[in-house]
Amino acid sequence: MPQHVSPLTVNRLSAYLRALRMLRREGIERISSRALADRFDLSASQIRKDLAHFGEFGIRGVGYDVALLESRLAAVIGLEREHPVIIVGAGNIGSALAGFQGLDAGRFRAVAIVDRAPRQIGRRCGELTVEDSADLSAIVHRTGAEIGVLAVPAIAAQANYEALVAAGVRAVLNFAPVQIRERGGVRAKSVDLLIFLEELAFFLDP
């Protein structure tokens, strides 16, 4: 992927991909950038600009082949293969993610869940059994996990991120309400629900 592509552009590619999947399910075979923008409340010029980072996708006056563009965007994002995911923390969020069937649809598969609490170890979470986080390196090696998900308290997030990095995980999604200091080129993406709620609160009428 080009190094100059921003995270915001990548986010929009994901939105385009979801829109294309919906169009294909409806049997629509070709669509213009304008029609795509109008249908899903997007910007036609932004669509063309974003796609131009990765080559030529459409034909002027004809539009985009929906199935072909969907396939090529999936490859650009990295969804042409499955990405194994390991979850750290078997509390409410971790357990919910372990049983979330939508991961498979997006080419992500939870292959392990770990926790340090003795009461959690051995418990079933969806199709997984909670394992001891002390064995993290061996579990990552066994499962080939590429992405780690942090579902731990804020105070434990940084240490668990660093443990994932040491174990060989290549990217981390953090649900703890704290920013992660990245190490070794392993990107961390934080999802803080409170921040999104506070943003919504800002726009509510007094």
C-alpha atoms as a PDB file:
ATOM      1  CA  MET A   1       0.000   0.000   0.000  1.00  0.00           C
ATOM      2  CA  PRO A   2       1.357   3.495  -0.807  1.00  0.00           C
ATOM      3  CA  GLN A   3       3.034   5.056   2.245  1.00  0.00           C
ATOM      4  CA  HIS A   4       1.381   8.439   1.625  1.00  0.00           C
ATOM      5  CA  VAL A   5      -2.157   7.086   2.010  1.00  0.00           C
ATOM      6  CA  SER A   6      -3.747   8.471   5.175  1.00  0.00           C
ATOM      7  CA  PRO A   7      -5.759   6.462   7.737  1.00  0.00           C
ATOM      8  CA  LEU A   8      -8.802   8.573   6.783  1.00  0.00           C
ATOM      9  CA  THR A   9      -8.497   7.377   3.185  1.00  0.00           C
ATOM     10  CA  VAL A  10      -8.278   3.766   4.364  1.00  0.00           C
ATOM     11  CA  ASN A  11     -11.412   4.313   6.467  1.00  0.00           C
ATOM     12  CA  ARG A  12     -13.243   5.580   3.401  1.00  0.00           C
ATOM     13  CA  LEU A  13     -12.094   2.569   1.359  1.00  0.00           C
ATOM     14  CA  SER A  14     -13.782   0.354   3.946  1.00  0.00           C
ATOM     15  CA  ALA A  15     -16.988   2.391   3.572  1.00  0.00           C
ATOM     16  CA  TYR A  16     -16.817   2.042  -0.225  1.00  0.00           C
ATOM     17  CA  LEU A  17     -16.289  -1.701   0.127  1.00  0.00           C
ATOM     18  CA  ARG A  18     -19.369  -2.116   2.328  1.00  0.00           C
ATOM     19  CA  ALA A  19     -21.413  -0.082  -0.159  1.00  0.00           C
ATOM     20  CA  LEU A  20     -20.221  -2.220  -3.068  1.00  0.00           C
ATOM     21  CA  ARG A  21     -21.070  -5.418  -1.212  1.00  0.00           C
ATOM     22  CA  MET A  22     -24.592  -4.116  -0.680  1.00  0.00           C
ATOM     23  CA  LEU A  23     -24.928  -3.212  -4.366  1.00  0.00           C
ATOM     24  CA  ARG A  24     -23.737  -6.652  -5.460  1.00  0.00           C
ATOM     25  CA  ARG A  25     -26.260  -8.347  -3.173  1.00  0.00           C
ATOM     26  CA  GLU A  26     -28.956  -6.238  -4.864  1.00  0.00           C
ATOM     27  CA  GLY A  27     -27.795  -7.434  -8.274  1.00  0.00           C
ATOM     28  CA  ILE A  28     -26.388  -4.074  -9.440  1.00  0.00           C
ATOM     29  CA  GLU A  29     -23.495  -4.725 -11.818  1.00  0.00           C
ATOM     30  CA  ARG A  30     -22.242  -1.234 -12.706  1.00  0.00           C
ATOM     31  CA  ILE A  31     -22.410   2.172 -11.041  1.00  0.00           C
ATOM     32  CA  SER A  32     -20.923   5.642 -11.523  1.00  0.00           C
ATOM     33  CA  SER A  33     -19.076   7.543  -8.802  1.00  0.00           C
ATOM     34  CA  ARG A  34     -21.949  10.051  -8.721  1.00  0.00           C
ATOM     35  CA  ALA A  35     -24.590   7.354  -8.280  1.00  0.00           C
ATOM     36  CA  LEU A  36     -22.455   5.641  -5.642  1.00  0.00           C
ATOM     37  CA  ALA A  37     -22.056   8.942  -3.797  1.00  0.00           C
ATOM     38  CA  ASP A  38     -25.768   9.811  -3.977  1.00  0.00           C
ATOM     39  CA  ARG A  39     -26.831   6.341  -2.874  1.00  0.00           C
ATOM     40  CA  PHE A  40     -24.623   6.190   0.216  1.00  0.00           C
ATOM     41  CA  ASP A  41     -24.241   9.888   1.125  1.00  0.00           C
ATOM     42  CA  LEU A  42     -20.620  10.037  -0.045  1.00  0.00           C
ATOM     43  CA  SER A  43     -18.605  12.496  -2.154  1.00  0.00           C
ATOM     44  CA  ALA A  44     -18.120  11.581  -5.828  1.00  0.00           C
ATOM     45  CA  SER A  45     -14.944  13.645  -6.123  1.00  0.00           C
ATOM     46  CA  GLN A  46     -13.570  12.108  -2.930  1.00  0.00           C
ATOM     47  CA  ILE A  47     -14.302   8.621  -4.230  1.00  0.00           C
ATOM     48  CA  ARG A  48     -12.391   9.316  -7.442  1.00  0.00           C
ATOM     49  CA  LYS A  49      -9.508  10.926  -5.547  1.00  0.00           C
ATOM     50  CA  ASP A  50      -9.221   8.041  -3.079  1.00  0.00           C
ATOM     51  CA  LEU A  51      -9.318   5.362  -5.759  1.00  0.00           C
ATOM     52  CA  ALA A  52      -6.699   7.205  -7.838  1.00  0.00           C
ATOM     53  CA  HIS A  53      -4.106   6.330  -5.178  1.00  0.00           C
ATOM     54  CA  PHE A  54      -4.336   2.701  -6.273  1.00  0.00           C
ATOM     55  CA  GLY A  55      -4.771   2.815 -10.056  1.00  0.00           C
ATOM     56  CA  GLU A  56      -7.540   3.115 -12.631  1.00  0.00           C
ATOM     57  CA  PHE A  57     -10.770   1.415 -11.609  1.00  0.00           C
ATOM     58  CA  GLY A  58     -13.556   2.859 -13.732  1.00  0.00           C
ATOM     59  CA  ILE A  59     -14.276   3.945 -17.302  1.00  0.00           C
ATOM     60  CA  ARG A  60     -15.317   7.537 -17.956  1.00  0.00           C
ATOM     61  CA  GLY A  61     -18.959   7.656 -18.977  1.00  0.00           C
ATOM     62  CA  VAL A  62     -19.459   3.992 -18.072  1.00  0.00           C
ATOM     63  CA  GLY A  63     -18.681   3.787 -14.365  1.00  0.00           C
ATOM     64  CA  TYR A  64     -17.356   1.016 -12.164  1.00  0.00           C
ATOM     65  CA  ASP A  65     -17.870  -2.722 -12.488  1.00  0.00           C
ATOM     66  CA  VAL A  66     -19.250  -3.392  -8.986  1.00  0.00           C
ATOM     67  CA  ALA A  67     -17.909  -6.939  -8.539  1.00  0.00           C
ATOM     68  CA  LEU A  68     -14.490  -6.071  -9.962  1.00  0.00           C
ATOM     69  CA  LEU A  69     -14.114  -2.927  -7.841  1.00  0.00           C
ATOM     70  CA  GLU A  70     -15.218  -4.827  -4.733  1.00  0.00           C
ATOM     71  CA  SER A  71     -12.597  -7.503  -5.395  1.00  0.00           C
ATOM     72  CA  ARG A  72      -9.820  -4.994  -6.043  1.00  0.00           C
ATOM     73  CA  LEU A  73     -10.624  -2.884  -2.984  1.00  0.00           C
ATOM     74  CA  ALA A  74     -10.662  -6.003  -0.814  1.00  0.00           C
ATOM     75  CA  ALA A  75      -7.169  -6.802  -2.123  1.00  0.00           C
ATOM     76  CA  VAL A  76      -5.966  -3.223  -1.521  1.00  0.00           C
ATOM     77  CA  ILE A  77      -7.197  -3.289   2.080  1.00  0.00           C
ATOM     78  CA  GLY A  78      -5.680  -6.732   2.637  1.00  0.00           C
ATOM     79  CA  LEU A  79      -8.812  -8.863   2.746  1.00  0.00           C
ATOM     80  CA  GLU A  80      -7.758 -11.341   0.079  1.00  0.00           C
ATOM     81  CA  ARG A  81      -6.720 -13.650   2.916  1.00  0.00           C
ATOM     82  CA  GLU A  82      -7.757 -14.375   6.473  1.00  0.00           C
ATOM     83  CA  HIS A  83      -6.153 -12.539   9.408  1.00  0.00           C
ATOM     84  CA  PRO A  84      -5.941 -14.510  12.686  1.00  0.00           C
ATOM     85  CA  VAL A  85      -6.823 -12.472  15.787  1.00  0.00           C
ATOM     86  CA  ILE A  86      -5.874 -13.055  19.425  1.00  0.00           C
ATOM     87  CA  ILE A  87      -7.939 -11.410  22.169  1.00  0.00           C
ATOM     88  CA  VAL A  88      -6.296 -10.369  25.430  1.00  0.00           C
ATOM     89  CA  GLY A  89      -8.836 -10.136  28.220  1.00  0.00           C
ATOM     90  CA  ALA A  90     -11.833 -12.431  28.720  1.00  0.00           C
ATOM     91  CA  GLY A  91     -14.141  -9.929  30.395  1.00  0.00           C
ATOM     92  CA  ASN A  92     -17.339  -8.555  28.869  1.00  0.00           C
ATOM     93  CA  ILE A  93     -15.763  -6.990  25.771  1.00  0.00           C
ATOM     94  CA  GLY A  94     -13.318  -9.814  25.109  1.00  0.00           C
ATOM     95  CA  SER A  95     -15.970 -12.493  25.530  1.00  0.00           C
ATOM     96  CA  ALA A  96     -18.349 -10.632  23.202  1.00  0.00           C
ATOM     97  CA  LEU A  97     -15.663 -10.320  20.530  1.00  0.00           C
ATOM     98  CA  ALA A  98     -14.758 -13.995  20.820  1.00  0.00           C
ATOM     99  CA  GLY A  99     -18.354 -14.903  19.981  1.00  0.00           C
ATOM    100  CA  PHE A 100     -18.879 -12.226  17.319  1.00  0.00           C
ATOM    101  CA  GLN A 101     -19.666 -14.008  14.046  1.00  0.00           C
ATOM    102  CA  GLY A 102     -19.186 -10.817  12.027  1.00  0.00           C
ATOM    103  CA  LEU A 103     -15.405 -11.155  12.288  1.00  0.00           C
ATOM    104  CA  ASP A 104     -15.428 -14.066   9.857  1.00  0.00           C
ATOM    105  CA  ALA A 105     -17.408 -12.064   7.282  1.00  0.00           C
ATOM    106  CA  GLY A 106     -14.669  -9.435   7.316  1.00  0.00           C
ATOM    107  CA  ARG A 107     -11.840 -11.951   6.851  1.00  0.00           C
ATOM    108  CA  PHE A 108     -10.807 -11.825  10.503  1.00  0.00           C
ATOM    109  CA  ARG A 109     -10.974 -14.905  12.716  1.00  0.00           C
ATOM    110  CA  ALA A 110     -10.518 -15.079  16.471  1.00  0.00           C
ATOM    111  CA  VAL A 111      -8.048 -17.919  17.013  1.00  0.00           C
ATOM    112  CA  ALA A 112      -7.342 -17.496  20.738  1.00  0.00           C
ATOM    113  CA  ILE A 113      -8.397 -15.602  23.846  1.00  0.00           C
ATOM    114  CA  VAL A 114      -6.174 -15.218  26.900  1.00  0.00           C
ATOM    115  CA  ASP A 115      -6.497 -13.857  30.422  1.00  0.00           C
ATOM    116  CA  ARG A 116      -4.367 -13.790  33.560  1.00  0.00           C
ATOM    117  CA  ALA A 117      -7.200 -14.412  36.058  1.00  0.00           C
ATOM    118  CA  PRO A 118      -7.367 -18.066  37.219  1.00  0.00           C
ATOM    119  CA  ARG A 119     -11.182 -17.903  37.294  1.00  0.00           C
ATOM    120  CA  GLN A 120     -11.247 -17.126  33.573  1.00  0.00           C
ATOM    121  CA  ILE A 121      -8.716 -19.699  32.370  1.00  0.00           C
ATOM    122  CA  GLY A 122     -10.448 -22.774  30.963  1.00  0.00           C
ATOM    123  CA  ARG A 123     -13.788 -20.986  30.461  1.00  0.00           C
ATOM    124  CA  ARG A 124     -15.483 -21.265  27.071  1.00  0.00           C
ATOM    125  CA  CYS A 125     -15.947 -18.083  25.014  1.00  0.00           C
ATOM    126  CA  GLY A 126     -17.828 -18.891  21.839  1.00  0.00           C
ATOM    127  CA  GLU A 127     -15.776 -21.609  20.162  1.00  0.00           C
ATOM    128  CA  LEU A 128     -12.620 -20.716  22.100  1.00  0.00           C
ATOM    129  CA  THR A 129     -11.291 -21.713  25.500  1.00  0.00           C
ATOM    130  CA  VAL A 130      -9.627 -19.022  27.571  1.00  0.00           C
ATOM    131  CA  GLU A 131      -5.914 -19.686  27.898  1.00  0.00           C
ATOM    132  CA  ASP A 132      -3.305 -18.346  30.316  1.00  0.00           C
ATOM    133  CA  SER A 133      -1.790 -15.068  29.129  1.00  0.00           C
ATOM    134  CA  ALA A 134       1.523 -16.213  30.624  1.00  0.00           C
ATOM    135  CA  ASP A 135       1.749 -18.499  27.579  1.00  0.00           C
ATOM    136  CA  LEU A 136       1.127 -15.640  25.133  1.00  0.00           C
ATOM    137  CA  SER A 137       4.248 -16.126  22.990  1.00  0.00           C
ATOM    138  CA  ALA A 138       3.617 -19.831  22.534  1.00  0.00           C
ATOM    139  CA  ILE A 139      -0.055 -19.213  21.714  1.00  0.00           C
ATOM    140  CA  VAL A 140       0.786 -16.570  19.091  1.00  0.00           C
ATOM    141  CA  HIS A 141       3.345 -18.930  17.551  1.00  0.00           C
ATOM    142  CA  ARG A 142       0.868 -21.831  17.517  1.00  0.00           C
ATOM    143  CA  THR A 143      -2.055 -19.904  16.061  1.00  0.00           C
ATOM    144  CA  GLY A 144      -0.174 -17.538  13.753  1.00  0.00           C
ATOM    145  CA  ALA A 145      -2.102 -14.594  15.223  1.00  0.00           C
ATOM    146  CA  GLU A 146      -1.299 -11.361  13.381  1.00  0.00           C
ATOM    147  CA  ILE A 147      -3.636  -8.925  15.121  1.00  0.00           C
ATOM    148  CA  GLY A 148      -4.066  -8.539  18.867  1.00  0.00           C
ATOM    149  CA  VAL A 149      -7.150  -7.087  20.525  1.00  0.00           C
ATOM    150  CA  LEU A 150      -6.737  -5.487  23.936  1.00  0.00           C
ATOM    151  CA  ALA A 151      -9.859  -5.876  26.076  1.00  0.00           C
ATOM    152  CA  VAL A 152      -8.166  -5.145  29.391  1.00  0.00           C
ATOM    153  CA  PRO A 153      -8.331  -2.327  31.986  1.00  0.00           C
ATOM    154  CA  ALA A 154      -6.534   0.889  31.037  1.00  0.00           C
ATOM    155  CA  ILE A 155      -3.798   0.329  33.607  1.00  0.00           C
ATOM    156  CA  ALA A 156      -2.852  -2.971  31.946  1.00  0.00           C
ATOM    157  CA  ALA A 157      -3.140  -1.920  28.303  1.00  0.00           C
ATOM    158  CA  GLN A 158       0.427  -0.739  27.628  1.00  0.00           C
ATOM    159  CA  ALA A 159       2.067  -3.771  29.239  1.00  0.00           C
ATOM    160  CA  ASN A 160      -0.187  -6.145  27.320  1.00  0.00           C
ATOM    161  CA  TYR A 161       0.470  -4.271  24.080  1.00  0.00           C
ATOM    162  CA  GLU A 162       4.200  -4.686  24.615  1.00  0.00           C
ATOM    163  CA  ALA A 163       3.711  -8.375  25.393  1.00  0.00           C
ATOM    164  CA  LEU A 164       1.873  -8.781  22.094  1.00  0.00           C
ATOM    165  CA  VAL A 165       4.670  -6.984  20.250  1.00  0.00           C
ATOM    166  CA  ALA A 166       7.264  -9.248  21.878  1.00  0.00           C
ATOM    167  CA  ALA A 167       5.183 -12.289  20.930  1.00  0.00           C
ATOM    168  CA  GLY A 168       5.236 -11.304  17.248  1.00  0.00           C
ATOM    169  CA  VAL A 169       1.796  -9.757  16.714  1.00  0.00           C
ATOM    170  CA  ARG A 170       1.912  -7.199  13.882  1.00  0.00           C
ATOM    171  CA  ALA A 171      -0.982  -4.834  14.775  1.00  0.00           C
ATOM    172  CA  VAL A 172      -3.157  -4.133  17.812  1.00  0.00           C
ATOM    173  CA  LEU A 173      -6.723  -2.920  18.313  1.00  0.00           C
ATOM    174  CA  ASN A 174      -7.121  -1.349  21.750  1.00  0.00           C
ATOM    175  CA  PHE A 175     -10.477  -1.111  23.537  1.00  0.00           C
ATOM    176  CA  ALA A 176      -8.993   0.227  26.773  1.00  0.00           C
ATOM    177  CA  PRO A 177      -9.670   3.949  27.413  1.00  0.00           C
ATOM    178  CA  VAL A 178      -6.024   4.946  27.084  1.00  0.00           C
ATOM    179  CA  GLN A 179      -3.651   5.817  24.255  1.00  0.00           C
ATOM    180  CA  ILE A 180      -0.987   3.233  23.480  1.00  0.00           C
ATOM    181  CA  ARG A 181       2.662   4.207  22.960  1.00  0.00           C
ATOM    182  CA  GLU A 182       3.666   2.274  19.863  1.00  0.00           C
ATOM    183  CA  ARG A 183       6.794   0.126  19.821  1.00  0.00           C
ATOM    184  CA  GLY A 184       8.725  -1.636  17.099  1.00  0.00           C
ATOM    185  CA  GLY A 185       6.581  -0.360  14.263  1.00  0.00           C
ATOM    186  CA  VAL A 186       3.523  -2.280  15.509  1.00  0.00           C
ATOM    187  CA  ARG A 187       0.554  -0.012  14.835  1.00  0.00           C
ATOM    188  CA  ALA A 188      -2.054   0.398  17.566  1.00  0.00           C
ATOM    189  CA  LYS A 189      -5.593   1.616  16.887  1.00  0.00           C
ATOM    190  CA  SER A 190      -7.699   2.683  19.867  1.00  0.00           C
ATOM    191  CA  VAL A 191     -11.487   2.457  20.097  1.00  0.00           C
ATOM    192  CA  ASP A 192     -12.710   4.605  22.983  1.00  0.00           C
ATOM    193  CA  LEU A 193     -16.514   4.530  23.125  1.00  0.00           C
ATOM    194  CA  LEU A 194     -16.610   7.362  25.650  1.00  0.00           C
ATOM    195  CA  ILE A 195     -14.864   9.711  23.219  1.00  0.00           C
ATOM    196  CA  PHE A 196     -17.509   9.017  20.568  1.00  0.00           C
ATOM    197  CA  LEU A 197     -20.321   9.552  23.093  1.00  0.00           C
ATOM    198  CA  GLU A 198     -18.766  12.812  24.242  1.00  0.00           C
ATOM    199  CA  GLU A 199     -18.516  13.951  20.627  1.00  0.00           C
ATOM    200  CA  LEU A 200     -22.219  13.219  20.159  1.00  0.00           C
ATOM    201  CA  ALA A 201     -23.058  15.017  23.398  1.00  0.00           C
ATOM    202  CA  PHE A 202     -21.274  18.120  22.081  1.00  0.00           C
ATOM    203  CA  PHE A 203     -23.720  18.321  19.169  1.00  0.00           C
ATOM    204  CA  LEU A 204     -26.879  17.792  21.222  1.00  0.00           C
ATOM    205  CA  ASP A 205     -29.083  20.784  21.800  1.00  0.00           C
ATOM    206  CA  PRO A 206     -28.825  22.169  25.366  1.00  0.00           C
END
